[in-house]
Amino acid sequence: MQGLSLVLEHVIRHYGIIAIFITMTLESSCIPLPSELIMTFAGFEAWQGNISFTAAVFAGVIGNIVGSLVAYYAGSIGGRPLLLRYGKYIFFSKKHFNSAEHWFARYGSITVLIARVLPAIRTFISLPAGIANMKLTKFLLFTTIGSIPWVYILTLLGYQLGGHWSSIDQHTSALPYVFATLLIVILVVFFLRNRPTTRQSKKN
């Protein structure tokens, strides 16, 4: 992980916004690059004044959307057999794909939104959505809504902590679990507050 972190830092430092877009596109295309490192370092670069904070967030979100579309169409056109046959060439994780497929089968299209902050599943959730031929407009909507807070908060974290980048690098692996816990709490509160009230019994 340390070697990958240094490579990502080098690429983003030298190629800026373009590197953020490309690496986030690859991450959402099922190539296992850690968005936690990409976007927090992008925030650090914004803190140093090397790139625009807004542009970094925009590049990250657009990269997420484009990469998710690539994975969606890979699932839609090639299906499961294509992924299992050729996935090894892009470090495809069958285990994580099976997990994402299970989540999608159990919870349906809303998984595309929720999974954007879940470890590992986030990278692969677009595949089962494509295989299931989820409506494209809904897929894009859920992908965008889920990507914006994830990318923004990671970038903001890197920006706010600034000179403490080394400490961020050491703890980014725990971030997905923190975000997943927060999202679950929010969803539970939402459903409890909006659950249907029990109908009154019919009058005699």
N, C-alpha and C. Protein backbone atom coordinates (compact mmCIF):
# COMPACT_ATOMS: atom_id res chain seq x y z
N MET A 1 0.82 -1.21 0.00
CA MET A 1 0.00 0.00 0.00
C MET A 1 0.85 1.26 0.00
N GLN A 2 2.00 1.20 0.73
CA GLN A 2 2.87 2.36 0.81
C GLN A 2 3.44 2.71 -0.56
N GLY A 3 3.82 1.67 -1.34
CA GLY A 3 4.35 1.93 -2.68
C GLY A 3 3.30 2.53 -3.59
N LEU A 4 2.08 2.03 -3.53
CA LEU A 4 0.99 2.56 -4.34
C LEU A 4 0.68 4.00 -3.95
N SER A 5 0.72 4.27 -2.66
CA SER A 5 0.48 5.63 -2.17
C SER A 5 1.49 6.61 -2.75
N LEU A 6 2.76 6.21 -2.77
CA LEU A 6 3.81 7.08 -3.31
C LEU A 6 3.63 7.32 -4.81
N VAL A 7 3.19 6.27 -5.52
CA VAL A 7 2.96 6.41 -6.96
C VAL A 7 1.81 7.38 -7.22
N LEU A 8 0.71 7.22 -6.48
CA LEU A 8 -0.44 8.10 -6.66
C LEU A 8 -0.09 9.54 -6.32
N GLU A 9 0.66 9.73 -5.26
CA GLU A 9 1.08 11.08 -4.87
C GLU A 9 1.93 11.71 -5.98
N HIS A 10 2.84 10.94 -6.51
CA HIS A 10 3.73 11.44 -7.57
C HIS A 10 2.92 11.85 -8.80
N VAL A 11 2.00 10.98 -9.21
CA VAL A 11 1.21 11.25 -10.41
C VAL A 11 0.34 12.49 -10.23
N ILE A 12 -0.33 12.59 -9.08
CA ILE A 12 -1.21 13.74 -8.84
C ILE A 12 -0.41 15.02 -8.70
N ARG A 13 0.75 14.93 -8.06
CA ARG A 13 1.59 16.12 -7.89
C ARG A 13 2.06 16.67 -9.23
N HIS A 14 2.34 15.79 -10.17
CA HIS A 14 2.89 16.23 -11.45
C HIS A 14 1.85 16.51 -12.53
N TYR A 15 0.69 15.84 -12.43
CA TYR A 15 -0.31 15.99 -13.49
C TYR A 15 -1.64 16.56 -13.02
N GLY A 16 -1.74 16.83 -11.73
CA GLY A 16 -2.86 17.59 -11.18
C GLY A 16 -4.24 17.05 -11.49
N ILE A 17 -5.12 17.94 -11.98
CA ILE A 17 -6.53 17.64 -12.20
C ILE A 17 -6.71 16.46 -13.17
N ILE A 18 -5.91 16.41 -14.21
CA ILE A 18 -6.02 15.31 -15.18
C ILE A 18 -5.75 13.97 -14.49
N ALA A 19 -4.76 13.94 -13.62
CA ALA A 19 -4.43 12.71 -12.90
C ALA A 19 -5.56 12.30 -11.96
N ILE A 20 -6.19 13.28 -11.31
CA ILE A 20 -7.31 12.98 -10.42
C ILE A 20 -8.45 12.35 -11.21
N PHE A 21 -8.77 12.95 -12.35
CA PHE A 21 -9.84 12.42 -13.19
C PHE A 21 -9.54 11.01 -13.66
N ILE A 22 -8.33 10.78 -14.16
CA ILE A 22 -7.98 9.46 -14.71
C ILE A 22 -7.96 8.39 -13.62
N THR A 23 -7.33 8.69 -12.50
CA THR A 23 -7.24 7.68 -11.43
C THR A 23 -8.60 7.38 -10.82
N MET A 24 -9.46 8.37 -10.68
CA MET A 24 -10.81 8.12 -10.16
C MET A 24 -11.66 7.37 -11.18
N THR A 25 -11.41 7.61 -12.47
CA THR A 25 -12.11 6.85 -13.51
C THR A 25 -11.69 5.39 -13.45
N LEU A 26 -10.40 5.16 -13.31
CA LEU A 26 -9.90 3.79 -13.21
C LEU A 26 -10.46 3.10 -11.97
N GLU A 27 -10.50 3.81 -10.85
CA GLU A 27 -11.01 3.23 -9.60
C GLU A 27 -12.46 2.79 -9.75
N SER A 28 -13.27 3.58 -10.43
CA SER A 28 -14.69 3.24 -10.61
C SER A 28 -14.90 2.26 -11.75
N SER A 29 -13.85 2.00 -12.53
CA SER A 29 -13.93 1.01 -13.61
C SER A 29 -13.49 -0.37 -13.12
N CYS A 30 -13.44 -0.53 -11.81
CA CYS A 30 -13.11 -1.82 -11.17
C CYS A 30 -11.62 -2.11 -11.11
N ILE A 31 -10.79 -1.11 -11.34
CA ILE A 31 -9.35 -1.26 -11.11
C ILE A 31 -9.07 -0.75 -9.70
N PRO A 32 -8.58 -1.61 -8.82
CA PRO A 32 -8.53 -1.29 -7.39
C PRO A 32 -7.50 -0.24 -6.98
N LEU A 33 -7.81 1.00 -7.28
CA LEU A 33 -7.02 2.13 -6.77
C LEU A 33 -7.80 2.76 -5.62
N PRO A 34 -7.16 3.10 -4.52
CA PRO A 34 -7.87 3.63 -3.35
C PRO A 34 -8.27 5.10 -3.52
N SER A 35 -9.56 5.35 -3.68
CA SER A 35 -10.03 6.74 -3.81
C SER A 35 -9.75 7.53 -2.54
N GLU A 36 -9.63 6.83 -1.40
CA GLU A 36 -9.32 7.51 -0.15
C GLU A 36 -7.98 8.24 -0.24
N LEU A 37 -7.00 7.60 -0.87
CA LEU A 37 -5.69 8.22 -1.04
C LEU A 37 -5.72 9.28 -2.14
N ILE A 38 -6.39 8.97 -3.23
CA ILE A 38 -6.43 9.90 -4.37
C ILE A 38 -7.02 11.24 -3.96
N MET A 39 -8.19 11.21 -3.34
CA MET A 39 -8.89 12.47 -3.07
C MET A 39 -8.35 13.21 -1.84
N THR A 40 -7.85 12.49 -0.84
CA THR A 40 -7.26 13.21 0.29
C THR A 40 -5.97 13.89 -0.14
N PHE A 41 -5.19 13.23 -1.00
CA PHE A 41 -3.98 13.89 -1.49
C PHE A 41 -4.32 15.04 -2.41
N ALA A 42 -5.41 14.91 -3.16
CA ALA A 42 -5.88 16.03 -3.98
C ALA A 42 -6.22 17.22 -3.10
N GLY A 43 -6.84 16.95 -1.95
CA GLY A 43 -7.14 18.02 -1.00
C GLY A 43 -5.88 18.64 -0.44
N PHE A 44 -4.88 17.81 -0.18
CA PHE A 44 -3.59 18.31 0.30
C PHE A 44 -2.93 19.21 -0.74
N GLU A 45 -3.00 18.81 -2.01
CA GLU A 45 -2.45 19.62 -3.09
C GLU A 45 -3.20 20.95 -3.21
N ALA A 46 -4.50 20.92 -2.98
CA ALA A 46 -5.29 22.16 -2.99
C ALA A 46 -4.87 23.06 -1.84
N TRP A 47 -4.61 22.46 -0.69
CA TRP A 47 -4.15 23.23 0.49
C TRP A 47 -2.81 23.91 0.20
N GLN A 48 -1.97 23.24 -0.56
CA GLN A 48 -0.68 23.82 -0.92
C GLN A 48 -0.80 24.89 -2.01
N GLY A 49 -1.98 24.99 -2.61
CA GLY A 49 -2.19 25.98 -3.66
C GLY A 49 -1.79 25.52 -5.05
N ASN A 50 -1.53 24.22 -5.19
CA ASN A 50 -1.10 23.71 -6.49
C ASN A 50 -2.26 23.47 -7.45
N ILE A 51 -3.43 23.17 -6.90
CA ILE A 51 -4.62 22.97 -7.72
C ILE A 51 -5.81 23.62 -7.03
N SER A 52 -6.89 23.80 -7.77
CA SER A 52 -8.12 24.37 -7.21
C SER A 52 -8.89 23.29 -6.46
N PHE A 53 -9.38 23.63 -5.28
CA PHE A 53 -10.18 22.69 -4.49
C PHE A 53 -11.43 22.27 -5.26
N THR A 54 -12.14 23.25 -5.80
CA THR A 54 -13.37 22.98 -6.55
C THR A 54 -13.10 22.10 -7.76
N ALA A 55 -12.02 22.41 -8.48
CA ALA A 55 -11.67 21.62 -9.65
C ALA A 55 -11.31 20.19 -9.28
N ALA A 56 -10.66 20.01 -8.14
CA ALA A 56 -10.30 18.67 -7.68
C ALA A 56 -11.55 17.85 -7.39
N VAL A 57 -12.50 18.44 -6.69
CA VAL A 57 -13.76 17.75 -6.39
C VAL A 57 -14.50 17.41 -7.68
N PHE A 58 -14.59 18.39 -8.57
CA PHE A 58 -15.28 18.18 -9.85
C PHE A 58 -14.64 17.04 -10.64
N ALA A 59 -13.31 17.03 -10.72
CA ALA A 59 -12.60 15.98 -11.46
C ALA A 59 -12.84 14.61 -10.83
N GLY A 60 -12.86 14.57 -9.50
CA GLY A 60 -13.10 13.31 -8.80
C GLY A 60 -14.49 12.76 -9.05
N VAL A 61 -15.50 13.64 -8.98
CA VAL A 61 -16.88 13.22 -9.19
C VAL A 61 -17.09 12.76 -10.64
N ILE A 62 -16.61 13.56 -11.60
CA ILE A 62 -16.76 13.18 -13.00
C ILE A 62 -16.02 11.88 -13.29
N GLY A 63 -14.85 11.71 -12.70
CA GLY A 63 -14.12 10.46 -12.86
C GLY A 63 -14.91 9.28 -12.33
N ASN A 64 -15.54 9.46 -11.17
CA ASN A 64 -16.40 8.41 -10.60
C ASN A 64 -17.53 8.04 -11.54
N ILE A 65 -18.16 9.05 -12.10
CA ILE A 65 -19.31 8.82 -13.00
C ILE A 65 -18.87 8.11 -14.27
N VAL A 66 -17.80 8.60 -14.89
CA VAL A 66 -17.32 8.00 -16.15
C VAL A 66 -16.87 6.56 -15.91
N GLY A 67 -16.11 6.33 -14.86
CA GLY A 67 -15.65 4.98 -14.56
C GLY A 67 -16.81 4.03 -14.26
N SER A 68 -17.81 4.55 -13.55
CA SER A 68 -18.98 3.73 -13.23
C SER A 68 -19.75 3.36 -14.50
N LEU A 69 -19.81 4.28 -15.45
CA LEU A 69 -20.46 3.99 -16.72
C LEU A 69 -19.71 2.91 -17.50
N VAL A 70 -18.37 2.96 -17.45
CA VAL A 70 -17.57 1.94 -18.12
C VAL A 70 -17.90 0.56 -17.53
N ALA A 71 -17.93 0.48 -16.20
CA ALA A 71 -18.24 -0.78 -15.54
C ALA A 71 -19.68 -1.22 -15.80
N TYR A 72 -20.59 -0.26 -15.80
CA TYR A 72 -22.00 -0.55 -16.06
C TYR A 72 -22.18 -1.19 -17.44
N TYR A 73 -21.56 -0.59 -18.45
CA TYR A 73 -21.69 -1.13 -19.81
C TYR A 73 -20.93 -2.44 -19.97
N ALA A 74 -19.85 -2.61 -19.23
CA ALA A 74 -19.13 -3.89 -19.27
C ALA A 74 -20.04 -5.01 -18.76
N GLY A 75 -20.78 -4.69 -17.69
CA GLY A 75 -21.72 -5.67 -17.15
C GLY A 75 -22.91 -5.87 -18.06
N SER A 76 -23.40 -4.79 -18.66
CA SER A 76 -24.58 -4.85 -19.51
C SER A 76 -24.31 -5.58 -20.82
N ILE A 77 -23.16 -5.32 -21.43
CA ILE A 77 -22.85 -5.89 -22.74
C ILE A 77 -22.22 -7.29 -22.62
N GLY A 78 -21.24 -7.41 -21.74
CA GLY A 78 -20.52 -8.67 -21.65
C GLY A 78 -21.08 -9.64 -20.64
N GLY A 79 -21.74 -9.11 -19.61
CA GLY A 79 -22.30 -9.97 -18.59
C GLY A 79 -21.24 -10.61 -17.70
N ARG A 80 -21.70 -11.47 -16.83
CA ARG A 80 -20.82 -12.12 -15.86
C ARG A 80 -19.70 -12.95 -16.52
N PRO A 81 -19.98 -13.72 -17.58
CA PRO A 81 -18.92 -14.55 -18.19
C PRO A 81 -17.71 -13.74 -18.66
N LEU A 82 -17.98 -12.57 -19.26
CA LEU A 82 -16.88 -11.73 -19.76
C LEU A 82 -16.01 -11.25 -18.61
N LEU A 83 -16.64 -10.86 -17.51
CA LEU A 83 -15.91 -10.35 -16.35
C LEU A 83 -15.04 -11.43 -15.73
N LEU A 84 -15.59 -12.62 -15.59
CA LEU A 84 -14.84 -13.70 -14.98
C LEU A 84 -13.71 -14.20 -15.88
N ARG A 85 -13.89 -14.05 -17.19
CA ARG A 85 -12.87 -14.53 -18.12
C ARG A 85 -11.71 -13.56 -18.28
N TYR A 86 -12.03 -12.27 -18.39
CA TYR A 86 -10.99 -11.29 -18.69
C TYR A 86 -10.65 -10.36 -17.51
N GLY A 87 -11.38 -10.49 -16.43
CA GLY A 87 -11.17 -9.59 -15.30
C GLY A 87 -9.78 -9.66 -14.69
N LYS A 88 -9.15 -10.82 -14.80
CA LYS A 88 -7.81 -10.98 -14.20
C LYS A 88 -6.79 -10.02 -14.79
N TYR A 89 -7.05 -9.55 -16.00
CA TYR A 89 -6.09 -8.65 -16.65
C TYR A 89 -6.14 -7.23 -16.09
N ILE A 90 -7.19 -6.92 -15.35
CA ILE A 90 -7.28 -5.59 -14.72
C ILE A 90 -7.37 -5.72 -13.19
N PHE A 91 -6.80 -6.83 -12.67
CA PHE A 91 -6.78 -7.09 -11.22
C PHE A 91 -8.20 -7.18 -10.66
N PHE A 92 -9.09 -7.76 -11.46
CA PHE A 92 -10.48 -7.90 -11.06
C PHE A 92 -10.59 -8.85 -9.87
N SER A 93 -11.37 -8.45 -8.86
CA SER A 93 -11.55 -9.27 -7.67
C SER A 93 -12.90 -10.00 -7.73
N LYS A 94 -12.84 -11.31 -7.97
CA LYS A 94 -14.08 -12.09 -8.02
C LYS A 94 -14.81 -12.06 -6.69
N LYS A 95 -14.05 -12.08 -5.60
CA LYS A 95 -14.64 -12.05 -4.26
C LYS A 95 -15.44 -10.78 -4.04
N HIS A 96 -14.86 -9.64 -4.38
CA HIS A 96 -15.55 -8.37 -4.18
C HIS A 96 -16.72 -8.21 -5.14
N PHE A 97 -16.56 -8.74 -6.35
CA PHE A 97 -17.67 -8.70 -7.30
C PHE A 97 -18.85 -9.52 -6.79
N ASN A 98 -18.57 -10.72 -6.27
CA ASN A 98 -19.64 -11.56 -5.73
C ASN A 98 -20.35 -10.88 -4.58
N SER A 99 -19.58 -10.16 -3.76
CA SER A 99 -20.16 -9.42 -2.64
C SER A 99 -21.07 -8.31 -3.15
N ALA A 100 -20.60 -7.56 -4.16
CA ALA A 100 -21.41 -6.48 -4.74
C ALA A 100 -22.67 -7.05 -5.39
N GLU A 101 -22.52 -8.19 -6.06
CA GLU A 101 -23.66 -8.83 -6.71
C GLU A 101 -24.70 -9.27 -5.68
N HIS A 102 -24.22 -9.78 -4.56
CA HIS A 102 -25.12 -10.20 -3.48
C HIS A 102 -25.90 -9.02 -2.92
N TRP A 103 -25.20 -7.91 -2.69
CA TRP A 103 -25.85 -6.70 -2.17
C TRP A 103 -26.91 -6.21 -3.15
N PHE A 104 -26.58 -6.20 -4.43
CA PHE A 104 -27.52 -5.70 -5.43
C PHE A 104 -28.75 -6.60 -5.52
N ALA A 105 -28.53 -7.91 -5.47
CA ALA A 105 -29.64 -8.85 -5.54
C ALA A 105 -30.55 -8.72 -4.32
N ARG A 106 -29.97 -8.39 -3.19
CA ARG A 106 -30.76 -8.32 -1.96
C ARG A 106 -31.49 -7.00 -1.79
N TYR A 107 -30.82 -5.89 -2.14
CA TYR A 107 -31.40 -4.58 -1.86
C TYR A 107 -31.83 -3.79 -3.10
N GLY A 108 -31.50 -4.30 -4.28
CA GLY A 108 -31.94 -3.64 -5.50
C GLY A 108 -31.12 -2.42 -5.85
N SER A 109 -31.72 -1.55 -6.67
CA SER A 109 -30.99 -0.42 -7.24
C SER A 109 -30.49 0.59 -6.22
N ILE A 110 -31.12 0.66 -5.04
CA ILE A 110 -30.68 1.61 -4.01
C ILE A 110 -29.25 1.28 -3.56
N THR A 111 -28.82 0.03 -3.81
CA THR A 111 -27.45 -0.37 -3.45
C THR A 111 -26.42 0.48 -4.16
N VAL A 112 -26.73 0.93 -5.38
CA VAL A 112 -25.80 1.77 -6.14
C VAL A 112 -25.49 3.04 -5.37
N LEU A 113 -26.48 3.57 -4.66
CA LEU A 113 -26.29 4.77 -3.86
C LEU A 113 -25.52 4.45 -2.58
N ILE A 114 -25.98 3.44 -1.86
CA ILE A 114 -25.40 3.10 -0.56
C ILE A 114 -23.95 2.64 -0.70
N ALA A 115 -23.69 1.84 -1.75
CA ALA A 115 -22.37 1.21 -1.89
C ALA A 115 -21.25 2.19 -2.17
N ARG A 116 -21.57 3.43 -2.52
CA ARG A 116 -20.51 4.40 -2.82
C ARG A 116 -19.62 4.69 -1.62
N VAL A 117 -20.06 4.32 -0.41
CA VAL A 117 -19.22 4.53 0.77
C VAL A 117 -18.90 3.22 1.47
N LEU A 118 -19.09 2.09 0.80
CA LEU A 118 -18.80 0.80 1.42
C LEU A 118 -17.47 0.27 0.89
N PRO A 119 -16.62 -0.24 1.78
CA PRO A 119 -15.31 -0.74 1.37
C PRO A 119 -15.42 -1.81 0.30
N ALA A 120 -14.56 -1.76 -0.70
CA ALA A 120 -14.45 -2.76 -1.77
C ALA A 120 -15.67 -2.80 -2.68
N ILE A 121 -16.85 -2.93 -2.09
CA ILE A 121 -18.09 -3.03 -2.88
C ILE A 121 -18.26 -1.80 -3.75
N ARG A 122 -17.84 -0.63 -3.23
CA ARG A 122 -17.98 0.63 -3.96
C ARG A 122 -17.38 0.54 -5.37
N THR A 123 -16.25 -0.12 -5.47
CA THR A 123 -15.55 -0.20 -6.75
C THR A 123 -16.28 -1.08 -7.76
N PHE A 124 -17.02 -2.08 -7.28
CA PHE A 124 -17.57 -3.09 -8.17
C PHE A 124 -19.09 -3.03 -8.35
N ILE A 125 -19.77 -2.14 -7.64
CA ILE A 125 -21.23 -2.18 -7.64
C ILE A 125 -21.85 -1.87 -9.00
N SER A 126 -21.14 -1.16 -9.86
CA SER A 126 -21.68 -0.83 -11.18
C SER A 126 -21.84 -2.06 -12.07
N LEU A 127 -21.05 -3.09 -11.82
CA LEU A 127 -21.11 -4.30 -12.64
C LEU A 127 -22.46 -5.03 -12.52
N PRO A 128 -22.90 -5.38 -11.31
CA PRO A 128 -24.20 -6.03 -11.21
C PRO A 128 -25.35 -5.14 -11.65
N ALA A 129 -25.19 -3.83 -11.51
CA ALA A 129 -26.21 -2.90 -11.99
C ALA A 129 -26.33 -3.01 -13.51
N GLY A 130 -25.21 -3.13 -14.20
CA GLY A 130 -25.23 -3.29 -15.65
C GLY A 130 -25.76 -4.64 -16.06
N ILE A 131 -25.35 -5.69 -15.36
CA ILE A 131 -25.82 -7.03 -15.66
C ILE A 131 -27.34 -7.13 -15.51
N ALA A 132 -27.86 -6.44 -14.49
CA ALA A 132 -29.31 -6.46 -14.24
C ALA A 132 -30.07 -5.48 -15.13
N ASN A 133 -29.34 -4.76 -16.00
CA ASN A 133 -29.95 -3.75 -16.88
C ASN A 133 -30.77 -2.72 -16.10
N MET A 134 -30.17 -2.26 -15.00
CA MET A 134 -30.78 -1.18 -14.24
C MET A 134 -30.98 0.03 -15.14
N LYS A 135 -32.09 0.71 -14.99
CA LYS A 135 -32.38 1.88 -15.82
C LYS A 135 -31.23 2.88 -15.73
N LEU A 136 -30.71 3.29 -16.90
CA LEU A 136 -29.50 4.11 -16.94
C LEU A 136 -29.68 5.44 -16.22
N THR A 137 -30.83 6.09 -16.39
CA THR A 137 -31.04 7.39 -15.74
C THR A 137 -31.00 7.25 -14.22
N LYS A 138 -31.59 6.19 -13.71
CA LYS A 138 -31.57 5.96 -12.26
C LYS A 138 -30.16 5.63 -11.80
N PHE A 139 -29.45 4.84 -12.59
CA PHE A 139 -28.07 4.50 -12.25
C PHE A 139 -27.21 5.75 -12.16
N LEU A 140 -27.33 6.62 -13.15
CA LEU A 140 -26.55 7.86 -13.15
C LEU A 140 -26.92 8.76 -11.98
N LEU A 141 -28.20 8.83 -11.67
CA LEU A 141 -28.65 9.67 -10.55
C LEU A 141 -28.08 9.16 -9.23
N PHE A 142 -28.22 7.87 -8.97
CA PHE A 142 -27.73 7.30 -7.72
C PHE A 142 -26.20 7.37 -7.64
N THR A 143 -25.54 7.15 -8.77
CA THR A 143 -24.08 7.22 -8.80
C THR A 143 -23.60 8.63 -8.47
N THR A 144 -24.23 9.62 -9.07
CA THR A 144 -23.84 11.02 -8.84
C THR A 144 -24.10 11.43 -7.41
N ILE A 145 -25.29 11.12 -6.90
CA ILE A 145 -25.64 11.48 -5.52
C ILE A 145 -24.69 10.82 -4.53
N GLY A 146 -24.34 9.57 -4.79
CA GLY A 146 -23.44 8.86 -3.88
C GLY A 146 -22.00 9.32 -3.98
N SER A 147 -21.59 9.75 -5.17
CA SER A 147 -20.18 10.13 -5.38
C SER A 147 -19.85 11.51 -4.81
N ILE A 148 -20.77 12.45 -4.91
CA ILE A 148 -20.47 13.84 -4.51
C ILE A 148 -20.03 13.94 -3.05
N PRO A 149 -20.81 13.44 -2.07
CA PRO A 149 -20.36 13.59 -0.68
C PRO A 149 -19.07 12.83 -0.39
N TRP A 150 -18.91 11.64 -0.99
CA TRP A 150 -17.70 10.85 -0.76
C TRP A 150 -16.47 11.61 -1.23
N VAL A 151 -16.50 12.12 -2.47
CA VAL A 151 -15.37 12.84 -3.04
C VAL A 151 -15.13 14.15 -2.30
N TYR A 152 -16.20 14.87 -2.01
CA TYR A 152 -16.06 16.18 -1.36
C TYR A 152 -15.45 16.05 0.04
N ILE A 153 -15.96 15.11 0.82
CA ILE A 153 -15.48 14.98 2.20
C ILE A 153 -14.03 14.51 2.24
N LEU A 154 -13.66 13.60 1.36
CA LEU A 154 -12.26 13.16 1.32
C LEU A 154 -11.34 14.30 0.93
N THR A 155 -11.76 15.09 -0.07
CA THR A 155 -10.95 16.23 -0.50
C THR A 155 -10.85 17.27 0.61
N LEU A 156 -11.96 17.51 1.29
CA LEU A 156 -11.98 18.47 2.39
C LEU A 156 -11.09 18.01 3.54
N LEU A 157 -11.09 16.71 3.79
CA LEU A 157 -10.24 16.16 4.85
C LEU A 157 -8.77 16.43 4.55
N GLY A 158 -8.37 16.14 3.31
CA GLY A 158 -6.99 16.40 2.93
C GLY A 158 -6.63 17.87 2.99
N TYR A 159 -7.60 18.72 2.65
CA TYR A 159 -7.37 20.17 2.65
C TYR A 159 -7.26 20.70 4.09
N GLN A 160 -8.16 20.28 4.95
CA GLN A 160 -8.20 20.81 6.31
C GLN A 160 -7.01 20.37 7.15
N LEU A 161 -6.57 19.13 6.95
CA LEU A 161 -5.44 18.63 7.74
C LEU A 161 -4.09 19.09 7.18
N GLY A 162 -4.11 19.50 5.90
CA GLY A 162 -2.93 20.14 5.33
C GLY A 162 -1.61 19.47 5.60
N GLY A 163 -0.80 20.11 6.40
CA GLY A 163 0.56 19.64 6.65
C GLY A 163 0.65 18.30 7.37
N HIS A 164 -0.46 17.80 7.85
CA HIS A 164 -0.45 16.51 8.54
C HIS A 164 -0.73 15.36 7.58
N TRP A 165 -0.33 15.50 6.33
CA TRP A 165 -0.63 14.49 5.31
C TRP A 165 -0.15 13.11 5.71
N SER A 166 0.99 13.00 6.35
CA SER A 166 1.53 11.69 6.71
C SER A 166 0.58 10.93 7.61
N SER A 167 -0.09 11.66 8.52
CA SER A 167 -1.04 10.99 9.42
C SER A 167 -2.30 10.58 8.67
N ILE A 168 -2.69 11.35 7.65
CA ILE A 168 -3.85 10.97 6.83
C ILE A 168 -3.53 9.67 6.10
N ASP A 169 -2.35 9.61 5.52
CA ASP A 169 -1.93 8.45 4.74
C ASP A 169 -2.01 7.17 5.56
N GLN A 170 -1.74 7.27 6.85
CA GLN A 170 -1.71 6.10 7.70
C GLN A 170 -3.10 5.61 8.10
N HIS A 171 -4.12 6.49 8.00
CA HIS A 171 -5.43 6.14 8.53
C HIS A 171 -6.54 6.11 7.49
N THR A 172 -6.22 6.32 6.22
CA THR A 172 -7.28 6.37 5.22
C THR A 172 -7.98 5.03 5.05
N SER A 173 -7.33 3.92 5.39
CA SER A 173 -7.98 2.61 5.23
C SER A 173 -9.20 2.46 6.12
N ALA A 174 -9.29 3.25 7.19
CA ALA A 174 -10.45 3.16 8.09
C ALA A 174 -11.60 4.04 7.65
N LEU A 175 -11.36 4.96 6.72
CA LEU A 175 -12.40 5.91 6.32
C LEU A 175 -13.66 5.26 5.76
N PRO A 176 -13.56 4.26 4.88
CA PRO A 176 -14.79 3.67 4.35
C PRO A 176 -15.70 3.13 5.43
N TYR A 177 -15.12 2.56 6.49
CA TYR A 177 -15.92 1.99 7.56
C TYR A 177 -16.62 3.09 8.36
N VAL A 178 -15.94 4.21 8.53
CA VAL A 178 -16.55 5.35 9.23
C VAL A 178 -17.73 5.88 8.43
N PHE A 179 -17.54 6.08 7.13
CA PHE A 179 -18.60 6.60 6.28
C PHE A 179 -19.76 5.61 6.18
N ALA A 180 -19.45 4.33 6.10
CA ALA A 180 -20.50 3.31 6.00
C ALA A 180 -21.35 3.31 7.26
N THR A 181 -20.70 3.43 8.43
CA THR A 181 -21.44 3.47 9.69
C THR A 181 -22.35 4.68 9.76
N LEU A 182 -21.83 5.84 9.36
CA LEU A 182 -22.63 7.06 9.37
C LEU A 182 -23.84 6.94 8.44
N LEU A 183 -23.61 6.37 7.25
CA LEU A 183 -24.70 6.23 6.29
C LEU A 183 -25.78 5.29 6.81
N ILE A 184 -25.37 4.19 7.42
CA ILE A 184 -26.33 3.24 7.97
C ILE A 184 -27.18 3.90 9.05
N VAL A 185 -26.53 4.69 9.92
CA VAL A 185 -27.27 5.40 10.97
C VAL A 185 -28.28 6.36 10.36
N ILE A 186 -27.86 7.10 9.34
CA ILE A 186 -28.75 8.05 8.67
C ILE A 186 -29.95 7.34 8.05
N LEU A 187 -29.69 6.22 7.38
CA LEU A 187 -30.77 5.47 6.73
C LEU A 187 -31.75 4.89 7.76
N VAL A 188 -31.22 4.38 8.86
CA VAL A 188 -32.09 3.83 9.90
C VAL A 188 -32.99 4.91 10.47
N VAL A 189 -32.40 6.07 10.77
CA VAL A 189 -33.20 7.19 11.30
C VAL A 189 -34.25 7.62 10.29
N PHE A 190 -33.86 7.68 9.00
CA PHE A 190 -34.81 8.09 7.95
C PHE A 190 -35.99 7.14 7.88
N PHE A 191 -35.71 5.84 7.85
CA PHE A 191 -36.80 4.87 7.71
C PHE A 191 -37.68 4.81 8.96
N LEU A 192 -37.08 5.01 10.13
CA LEU A 192 -37.87 5.01 11.35
C LEU A 192 -38.81 6.21 11.41
N ARG A 193 -38.32 7.35 10.92
CA ARG A 193 -39.13 8.56 10.96
C ARG A 193 -40.19 8.59 9.87
N ASN A 194 -39.96 7.82 8.80
CA ASN A 194 -40.89 7.86 7.67
C ASN A 194 -41.66 6.56 7.45
N ARG A 195 -41.60 5.66 8.43
CA ARG A 195 -42.33 4.41 8.27
C ARG A 195 -43.83 4.68 8.32
N PRO A 196 -44.61 3.92 7.59
CA PRO A 196 -46.07 4.13 7.56
C PRO A 196 -46.69 3.93 8.93
N THR A 197 -47.61 4.77 9.25
CA THR A 197 -48.31 4.62 10.53
C THR A 197 -49.33 3.52 10.41
N THR A 198 -49.57 2.87 11.52
CA THR A 198 -50.54 1.77 11.53
C THR A 198 -51.93 2.30 11.25
N ARG A 199 -52.58 1.65 10.31
CA ARG A 199 -53.92 2.10 9.98
C ARG A 199 -54.89 1.84 11.13
N GLN A 200 -55.78 2.75 11.27
CA GLN A 200 -56.78 2.58 12.31
C GLN A 200 -57.72 1.46 11.92
N SER A 201 -58.16 0.73 12.91
CA SER A 201 -59.10 -0.35 12.64
C SER A 201 -60.40 0.21 12.10
N LYS A 202 -61.04 -0.55 11.25
CA LYS A 202 -62.29 -0.11 10.67
C LYS A 202 -63.37 0.07 11.71
N LYS A 203 -64.15 1.08 11.51
CA LYS A 203 -65.24 1.32 12.46
C LYS A 203 -66.34 0.29 12.25
N ASN A 204 -66.97 -0.07 13.33
CA ASN A 204 -68.09 -1.02 13.25
C ASN A 204 -69.30 -0.37 12.58
